[in-house]
Amino acid sequence: MTELGQPAKLSSERIRRVSPDFTARYLPELAQLEQLIHTHAQQLKVRTLAVIEHQTVSQTSSQRYKLPIYSLRLGSDNPDLPTLAFVGGVHGVERIGTRLLLTFISSLLQRLQWDRGLNHELQHLRLIFCPLLNPAGMALGQRSNANGVDLMRNSPDNATDKVTWMVGGQRLSNRLPWYRGEEHSPMEAEARALCDWVHDELFGSPLSIVLDCHSGFGLRDRIWFPMAGSREPLQHRADIAALIHLFETTNPHHNYIIEPQHHSYLTHGDLWDYLYHQSLSLEDKVFLPLTLEMGSWSWVKKNPRQLISFMGLFNPLVPHREKRTMRRHLLLLEFLIRSSCAYEAWLPATPMSRLRYEMEAKQRWYG
C-alpha cells in the first residue's frame, strides 16, 4: 500500500506528471480543477505559477510527481481595470476553501453561457483565481507544505507586537505546527509563487482586492484584514471601512465578524501583511487583502464525532453541511465582483469622505 511521505532532498527517480490514480486518492480537488480547465479552455486564461515536486513512498518503490499551482483568469486583459482575486488551499488541511472556489468558478463558467449581466461585469473587471496554492500539503492532509512550513507564517516580516505563543509562528522545528522556516532562508516555493502572482496580476490595477479562503477558527465566520503582526491602524482604513459599509448596508443580515486579524491573534510572517506593506510604495493604487475564516468549530459543535478526525476540525464532513457552507458564502463572493466593478462609486475620493470613513474605522476597530 502506497503512503505519502516527505519529499526527498536527493533523488534519482523519474519525475512524472501526477497520475489520475494519485489525484483520485489524495487530491480530488486538483482533478476537479484540471477538469474545469480542460472543459472550459476557451473561456479561461490559465497560468502555471509553479510546479511542486512531491514524493510517494512504499515498501518497494517511490515515485516523485509534479504538482502544478494554477492561476485562472476570466474577464478583461486591461491592467487599468480593477482586479479581484480569490485564493484557496494555502493550508492543505483546509480543503473547504478550495472546494468553495471550485464551486464558484464552475458556477461562473456555466452562467457565462446565458448571463448578460455577468458578461457585462467581466468586461470591466479582471477576475483571477488561485484555488489550490499548497497541493503537496493537501495531498498529505496537513496544514503546512511538504517541507513542514506554514505558508502563512513564511514571509520575512516579524510582528511588531507580542504574538500568541506558537500559534504566532515558531522556528523550533518543522515537526511542530506553525513553523516559519529557517531564519534568513528564502520563502517556500508556494509562498514565492503567490507573491509573484500578486505583483504581476494585482499591483498594476487602480484597485485590487483579494479574498483568501481559510477555515478552522471560532464558532462564527470572520472576514479579516491586515494587520496580523501589528495593532497599528491600517493605512487604507478608510477604504476598508467604505467597502464594509457598502457590504453591510446592502446585506444587513449577514453573519460575519469583520475585524483586523490582530483582534483574534497576532502572528509573525503573514503573507498578506508582507504584500500589503509592499503595496504602499505604489502610487495611486489601492490593494485590499481580505481573509475569509470559516468558523469550523460550529461544524464540530453540531457533529462532535468530527473531533476524532483531524480533517473534521477544519472541514464539514456531513454532505448537507458542506452544501450549506457553499451557499452561505456565495453571497460574499458575488458582492465582491459587483463592488469591484463599481469601485469608483464607493471608494472615498474626497477629503470629507475619507475623514468620515476614517472616523468610522477608528470607532469600530481602533478605539
Protein backbone atom coordinates (compact mmCIF):
# COMPACT_ATOMS: atom_id res chain seq x y z
CA MET A 1 0.00 0.00 0.00
CA THR A 2 1.43 3.35 -1.03
CA GLU A 3 1.77 6.03 1.63
CA LEU A 4 2.58 9.68 1.35
CA GLY A 5 5.92 10.86 2.70
CA GLN A 6 8.15 13.92 2.82
CA PRO A 7 9.92 14.85 -0.42
CA ALA A 8 13.46 13.51 -0.58
CA LYS A 9 16.24 16.10 -0.87
CA LEU A 10 18.21 13.99 -3.33
CA SER A 11 16.52 11.60 -5.69
CA SER A 12 17.22 9.84 -8.94
CA GLU A 13 13.64 8.65 -9.54
CA ARG A 14 11.97 9.66 -12.75
CA ILE A 15 9.75 12.68 -12.12
CA ARG A 16 6.37 12.25 -13.76
CA ARG A 17 3.14 14.12 -14.26
CA VAL A 18 0.69 13.48 -11.47
CA SER A 19 -1.45 10.43 -12.31
CA PRO A 20 -5.27 10.17 -12.23
CA ASP A 21 -4.98 7.45 -9.57
CA PHE A 22 -2.95 9.78 -7.38
CA THR A 23 -5.37 12.71 -7.70
CA ALA A 24 -8.42 10.48 -7.21
CA ARG A 25 -6.98 9.16 -3.96
CA TYR A 26 -5.17 12.16 -2.50
CA LEU A 27 -6.11 15.29 -4.49
CA PRO A 28 -9.64 15.14 -5.93
CA GLU A 29 -9.66 18.95 -5.79
CA LEU A 30 -6.76 19.09 -8.26
CA ALA A 31 -8.55 16.62 -10.52
CA GLN A 32 -11.68 18.80 -10.46
CA LEU A 33 -9.64 21.92 -11.18
CA GLU A 34 -7.89 20.33 -14.16
CA GLN A 35 -11.23 19.07 -15.47
CA LEU A 36 -12.59 22.63 -15.36
CA ILE A 37 -9.52 23.86 -17.22
CA HIS A 38 -9.93 21.16 -19.88
CA THR A 39 -13.68 21.66 -20.32
CA HIS A 40 -13.58 25.47 -20.46
CA ALA A 41 -10.26 26.01 -22.20
CA GLN A 42 -11.73 28.71 -24.48
CA GLN A 43 -13.11 30.79 -21.60
CA LEU A 44 -10.20 30.55 -19.14
CA LYS A 45 -6.74 32.03 -19.36
CA VAL A 46 -4.54 29.64 -17.43
CA ARG A 47 -1.04 30.09 -15.99
CA THR A 48 1.10 27.61 -14.10
CA LEU A 49 2.61 29.63 -11.26
CA ALA A 50 4.93 26.89 -10.03
CA VAL A 51 5.39 23.14 -10.08
CA ILE A 52 5.93 21.43 -6.72
CA GLU A 53 7.79 18.13 -6.65
CA HIS A 54 6.16 15.58 -4.38
CA GLN A 55 7.15 12.04 -3.43
CA THR A 56 5.09 8.97 -2.65
CA VAL A 57 6.81 6.17 -0.75
CA SER A 58 6.00 2.47 -0.34
CA GLN A 59 7.95 -0.54 0.94
CA THR A 60 9.08 -1.46 -2.56
CA SER A 61 9.32 1.79 -4.52
CA SER A 62 8.98 5.53 -4.53
CA GLN A 63 7.72 7.95 -7.13
CA ARG A 64 8.14 11.67 -7.49
CA TYR A 65 5.31 13.66 -9.02
CA LYS A 66 4.92 17.20 -10.32
CA LEU A 67 2.04 19.07 -8.70
CA PRO A 68 1.12 22.30 -10.54
CA ILE A 69 -0.13 25.51 -8.95
CA TYR A 70 -2.62 27.05 -11.37
CA SER A 71 -3.90 30.58 -11.88
CA LEU A 72 -7.18 31.03 -13.77
CA ARG A 73 -8.39 34.31 -15.22
CA LEU A 74 -11.74 35.49 -16.52
CA GLY A 75 -12.72 38.88 -17.79
CA SER A 76 -10.72 41.70 -19.29
CA ASP A 77 -6.99 41.78 -20.09
CA ASN A 78 -6.79 45.52 -19.39
CA PRO A 79 -4.43 46.13 -16.42
CA ASP A 80 -6.00 49.57 -15.84
CA LEU A 81 -9.23 47.94 -14.69
CA PRO A 82 -9.90 46.77 -11.11
CA THR A 83 -8.74 43.26 -10.24
CA LEU A 84 -10.43 40.81 -7.91
CA ALA A 85 -8.53 37.70 -6.82
CA PHE A 86 -9.59 34.60 -4.90
CA VAL A 87 -7.11 32.28 -3.20
CA GLY A 88 -7.62 28.88 -1.55
CA GLY A 89 -5.72 25.90 -0.26
CA VAL A 90 -2.93 27.84 1.47
CA HIS A 91 -3.24 25.38 4.35
CA GLY A 92 -3.51 21.88 2.95
CA VAL A 93 -5.91 20.54 5.57
CA GLU A 94 -8.44 23.31 4.89
CA ARG A 95 -9.96 21.73 1.80
CA ILE A 96 -13.27 23.57 2.15
CA GLY A 97 -11.70 26.84 0.91
CA THR A 98 -10.55 25.22 -2.33
CA ARG A 99 -13.90 23.46 -2.75
CA LEU A 100 -15.78 26.72 -2.26
CA LEU A 101 -13.76 28.40 -5.01
CA LEU A 102 -14.09 25.44 -7.39
CA THR A 103 -17.86 25.53 -6.92
CA PHE A 104 -17.87 29.28 -7.56
CA ILE A 105 -15.68 29.02 -10.68
CA SER A 106 -17.89 26.26 -12.07
CA SER A 107 -20.99 28.37 -11.44
CA LEU A 108 -19.48 31.41 -13.17
CA LEU A 109 -18.45 29.38 -16.21
CA GLN A 110 -21.96 27.97 -16.58
CA ARG A 111 -23.54 31.41 -16.18
CA LEU A 112 -21.32 32.94 -18.84
CA GLN A 113 -23.33 30.99 -21.42
CA TRP A 114 -26.53 32.93 -20.64
CA ASP A 115 -25.99 35.65 -18.01
CA ARG A 116 -25.71 39.00 -19.82
CA GLY A 117 -25.14 40.85 -16.55
CA LEU A 118 -22.13 38.72 -15.65
CA ASN A 119 -20.70 39.07 -19.16
CA HIS A 120 -21.05 42.84 -18.87
CA GLU A 121 -19.34 42.89 -15.46
CA LEU A 122 -16.40 40.88 -16.75
CA GLN A 123 -15.82 43.47 -19.46
CA HIS A 124 -14.97 45.90 -16.66
CA LEU A 125 -13.07 43.60 -14.32
CA ARG A 126 -10.08 41.28 -14.18
CA LEU A 127 -11.17 38.20 -12.19
CA ILE A 128 -8.43 35.76 -11.20
CA PHE A 129 -8.22 32.63 -9.08
CA CYS A 130 -5.52 30.57 -7.40
CA PRO A 131 -7.75 27.86 -5.93
CA LEU A 132 -5.05 25.45 -4.70
CA LEU A 133 -1.80 27.03 -3.57
CA ASN A 134 -0.49 24.12 -1.48
CA PRO A 135 -1.17 20.89 -3.41
CA ALA A 136 1.51 18.83 -1.62
CA GLY A 137 0.17 19.84 1.79
CA MET A 138 -3.35 18.96 0.71
CA ALA A 139 -2.20 15.58 -0.61
CA LEU A 140 -0.55 14.94 2.76
CA GLY A 141 -3.60 16.17 4.68
CA GLN A 142 -1.58 18.65 6.71
CA ARG A 143 -1.63 22.39 7.34
CA SER A 144 1.95 23.03 6.18
CA ASN A 145 3.55 22.33 2.83
CA ALA A 146 5.58 19.15 2.27
CA ASN A 147 8.61 20.75 3.96
CA GLY A 148 6.62 21.31 7.14
CA VAL A 149 6.45 25.10 6.66
CA ASP A 150 3.26 27.02 7.39
CA LEU A 151 2.95 29.25 4.33
CA MET A 152 1.03 31.92 6.28
CA ARG A 153 3.98 32.28 8.66
CA ASN A 154 6.64 32.21 5.95
CA SER A 155 7.23 35.84 4.99
CA PRO A 156 10.30 37.64 6.40
CA ASP A 157 8.10 40.13 8.30
CA ASN A 158 8.29 39.97 12.08
CA ALA A 159 5.39 41.17 14.21
CA THR A 160 5.94 44.49 15.96
CA ASP A 161 3.65 43.50 18.84
CA LYS A 162 3.74 40.41 21.03
CA VAL A 163 2.37 37.36 19.20
CA THR A 164 0.44 34.41 20.54
CA TRP A 165 2.93 31.72 21.60
CA MET A 166 3.43 29.01 18.98
CA VAL A 167 0.30 29.97 17.03
CA GLY A 168 2.03 33.22 16.03
CA GLY A 169 4.82 31.29 14.31
CA GLN A 170 7.86 29.38 15.59
CA ARG A 171 11.30 28.39 14.29
CA LEU A 172 11.93 25.47 16.68
CA SER A 173 11.11 22.58 14.36
CA ASN A 174 9.11 21.69 11.27
CA ARG A 175 7.72 18.77 13.26
CA LEU A 176 5.69 21.28 15.25
CA PRO A 177 2.77 23.28 13.80
CA TRP A 178 3.07 26.91 12.69
CA TYR A 179 6.73 26.50 11.65
CA ARG A 180 8.01 29.62 9.86
CA GLY A 181 11.05 28.11 8.15
CA GLU A 182 14.68 28.79 8.90
CA GLU A 183 15.59 32.39 9.58
CA HIS A 184 17.06 34.27 6.58
CA SER A 185 16.24 31.38 4.24
CA PRO A 186 14.25 32.07 1.03
CA MET A 187 10.49 31.79 1.19
CA GLU A 188 8.97 28.47 0.19
CA ALA A 189 8.19 27.95 -3.49
CA GLU A 190 4.44 28.21 -2.89
CA ALA A 191 4.77 31.48 -0.96
CA ARG A 192 7.08 32.95 -3.61
CA ALA A 193 4.61 31.93 -6.33
CA LEU A 194 1.77 33.70 -4.51
CA CYS A 195 3.80 36.88 -4.00
CA ASP A 196 4.97 36.96 -7.64
CA TRP A 197 1.39 36.38 -8.79
CA VAL A 198 0.11 39.30 -6.70
CA HIS A 199 2.87 41.57 -8.04
CA ASP A 200 2.18 40.57 -11.65
CA GLU A 201 -1.60 40.46 -11.65
CA LEU A 202 -2.79 42.89 -8.97
CA PHE A 203 -0.31 45.66 -8.22
CA GLY A 204 -0.86 47.40 -11.56
CA SER A 205 -4.60 47.89 -11.03
CA PRO A 206 -6.11 51.06 -9.58
CA LEU A 207 -7.97 48.87 -7.08
CA SER A 208 -7.21 45.25 -6.29
CA ILE A 209 -9.00 43.09 -3.73
CA VAL A 210 -8.03 39.58 -2.61
CA LEU A 211 -10.17 37.12 -0.68
CA ASP A 212 -8.12 34.27 0.80
CA CYS A 213 -10.38 31.40 1.93
CA HIS A 214 -9.50 29.53 5.16
CA SER A 215 -11.23 27.54 7.89
CA GLY A 216 -10.54 26.37 11.40
CA PHE A 217 -11.09 29.25 13.84
CA GLY A 218 -14.08 30.01 16.04
CA LEU A 219 -17.82 29.43 16.02
CA ARG A 220 -18.50 32.41 13.72
CA ASP A 221 -17.35 33.13 10.19
CA ARG A 222 -14.92 36.03 10.08
CA ILE A 223 -13.61 38.45 7.47
CA TRP A 224 -10.13 39.59 8.46
CA PHE A 225 -7.99 42.33 7.01
CA PRO A 226 -4.42 43.42 7.93
CA MET A 227 -2.67 43.81 10.16
CA ALA A 228 -1.82 40.39 11.58
CA GLY A 229 1.50 41.41 13.12
CA SER A 230 0.69 44.84 14.48
CA ARG A 231 -2.13 46.66 16.25
CA GLU A 232 -1.46 49.84 14.31
CA PRO A 233 -4.36 51.11 12.18
CA LEU A 234 -4.29 50.12 8.54
CA GLN A 235 -3.19 52.94 6.23
CA HIS A 236 -6.15 52.22 3.93
CA ARG A 237 -8.61 52.00 6.82
CA ALA A 238 -10.97 54.48 5.14
CA ASP A 239 -11.12 52.30 2.01
CA ILE A 240 -11.75 49.14 4.05
CA ALA A 241 -14.42 50.93 6.10
CA ALA A 242 -16.14 52.13 2.91
CA LEU A 243 -16.16 48.61 1.45
CA ILE A 244 -17.51 47.09 4.67
CA HIS A 245 -20.13 49.86 4.97
CA LEU A 246 -21.28 49.04 1.44
CA PHE A 247 -21.46 45.32 2.25
CA GLU A 248 -23.38 45.80 5.47
CA THR A 249 -25.91 48.26 4.10
CA THR A 250 -26.70 46.00 1.15
CA ASN A 251 -26.55 42.75 3.19
CA PRO A 252 -27.79 43.79 6.66
CA HIS A 253 -28.48 40.23 7.83
CA HIS A 254 -25.01 38.78 7.22
CA ASN A 255 -23.41 36.71 9.98
CA TYR A 256 -19.73 37.66 9.63
CA ILE A 257 -17.48 39.15 12.27
CA ILE A 258 -15.43 41.75 10.35
CA GLU A 259 -12.22 42.93 12.00
CA PRO A 260 -8.44 43.33 11.69
CA GLN A 261 -6.81 39.94 12.21
CA HIS A 262 -4.98 41.15 15.32
CA HIS A 263 -8.32 41.32 17.15
CA SER A 264 -8.22 37.50 17.20
CA TYR A 265 -4.47 36.82 17.43
CA LEU A 266 -1.14 38.18 16.19
CA THR A 267 1.39 36.33 14.05
CA HIS A 268 4.81 36.64 12.52
CA GLY A 269 5.36 36.17 8.80
CA ASP A 270 1.86 36.81 7.48
CA LEU A 271 1.98 36.91 3.67
CA TRP A 272 -0.84 39.44 3.34
CA ASP A 273 0.85 41.84 5.78
CA TYR A 274 4.05 41.41 3.77
CA LEU A 275 2.35 42.12 0.44
CA TYR A 276 0.31 44.99 1.86
CA HIS A 277 3.49 46.69 3.11
CA GLN A 278 4.98 46.33 -0.37
CA SER A 279 1.86 47.82 -1.98
CA LEU A 280 2.31 51.05 -0.01
CA SER A 281 5.14 52.06 -2.35
CA LEU A 282 2.72 52.11 -5.31
CA GLU A 283 1.34 55.49 -6.34
CA ASP A 284 -2.43 55.90 -6.71
CA LYS A 285 -3.07 52.17 -6.17
CA VAL A 286 -5.23 50.56 -3.51
CA PHE A 287 -4.57 46.94 -2.50
CA LEU A 288 -7.03 45.42 -0.02
CA PRO A 289 -6.30 41.84 1.10
CA LEU A 290 -9.14 40.08 2.92
CA THR A 291 -9.25 36.67 4.58
CA LEU A 292 -12.42 34.61 4.90
CA GLU A 293 -12.03 32.46 8.01
CA MET A 294 -14.86 29.92 8.05
CA GLY A 295 -15.74 29.06 11.64
CA SER A 296 -15.19 25.31 11.73
CA TRP A 297 -15.97 24.99 15.45
CA SER A 298 -19.65 25.31 14.57
CA TRP A 299 -19.38 22.13 12.45
CA VAL A 300 -17.75 20.32 15.37
CA LYS A 301 -20.41 21.61 17.77
CA LYS A 302 -23.19 20.25 15.57
CA ASN A 303 -21.37 16.95 14.95
CA PRO A 304 -18.98 16.13 17.84
CA ARG A 305 -17.82 12.99 16.02
CA GLN A 306 -15.72 15.32 13.87
CA LEU A 307 -13.36 15.62 16.85
CA ILE A 308 -11.98 12.15 16.17
CA SER A 309 -10.88 13.23 12.67
CA PHE A 310 -8.12 15.77 12.04
CA MET A 311 -9.89 16.76 8.81
CA GLY A 312 -13.08 17.21 10.81
CA LEU A 313 -11.52 20.09 12.76
CA PHE A 314 -11.29 22.14 9.56
CA ASN A 315 -13.97 20.87 7.16
CA PRO A 316 -17.66 19.93 7.33
CA LEU A 317 -17.73 16.15 6.96
CA VAL A 318 -21.52 15.82 6.58
CA PRO A 319 -22.52 16.45 2.92
CA HIS A 320 -25.50 18.68 3.65
CA ARG A 321 -23.34 20.96 5.85
CA GLU A 322 -20.78 21.31 3.09
CA LYS A 323 -23.54 22.31 0.67
CA ARG A 324 -24.86 24.81 3.19
CA THR A 325 -21.37 26.29 3.54
CA MET A 326 -21.15 26.72 -0.23
CA ARG A 327 -24.48 28.54 -0.34
CA ARG A 328 -23.73 30.76 2.65
CA HIS A 329 -20.56 32.32 1.22
CA LEU A 330 -21.58 32.72 -2.41
CA LEU A 331 -23.34 35.97 -1.43
CA LEU A 332 -19.98 37.43 -0.30
CA LEU A 333 -18.17 36.31 -3.46
CA GLU A 334 -20.86 37.79 -5.70
CA PHE A 335 -20.79 41.05 -3.73
CA LEU A 336 -17.05 41.38 -4.26
CA ILE A 337 -17.47 41.04 -8.03
CA ARG A 338 -20.11 43.77 -8.20
CA SER A 339 -18.38 46.14 -5.79
CA SER A 340 -15.04 45.76 -7.58
CA CYS A 341 -16.66 46.66 -10.90
CA ALA A 342 -18.24 49.75 -9.35
CA TYR A 343 -15.35 50.78 -7.11
CA GLU A 344 -15.41 54.42 -8.26
CA ALA A 345 -18.92 54.75 -6.79
CA TRP A 346 -17.89 53.86 -3.22
CA LEU A 347 -14.11 54.29 -2.83
CA PRO A 348 -13.54 57.51 -0.81
CA ALA A 349 -12.34 60.16 -3.25
CA THR A 350 -12.69 63.44 -1.34
CA PRO A 351 -11.09 64.60 1.93
CA MET A 352 -14.50 64.74 3.61
CA SER A 353 -15.45 61.20 2.62
CA ARG A 354 -12.07 59.87 3.72
CA LEU A 355 -12.41 61.62 7.06
CA ARG A 356 -15.87 60.17 7.55
CA TYR A 357 -14.71 56.60 6.96
CA GLU A 358 -11.52 57.04 8.96
CA MET A 359 -13.64 58.10 11.92
CA GLU A 360 -15.91 55.12 11.37
CA ALA A 361 -12.90 52.76 11.28
CA LYS A 362 -11.45 54.31 14.43
CA GLN A 363 -14.69 53.94 16.38
CA ARG A 364 -15.24 50.37 15.23
CA TRP A 365 -11.77 48.82 15.21
CA TYR A 366 -9.16 51.14 16.67
CA GLY A 367 -10.89 52.91 19.55
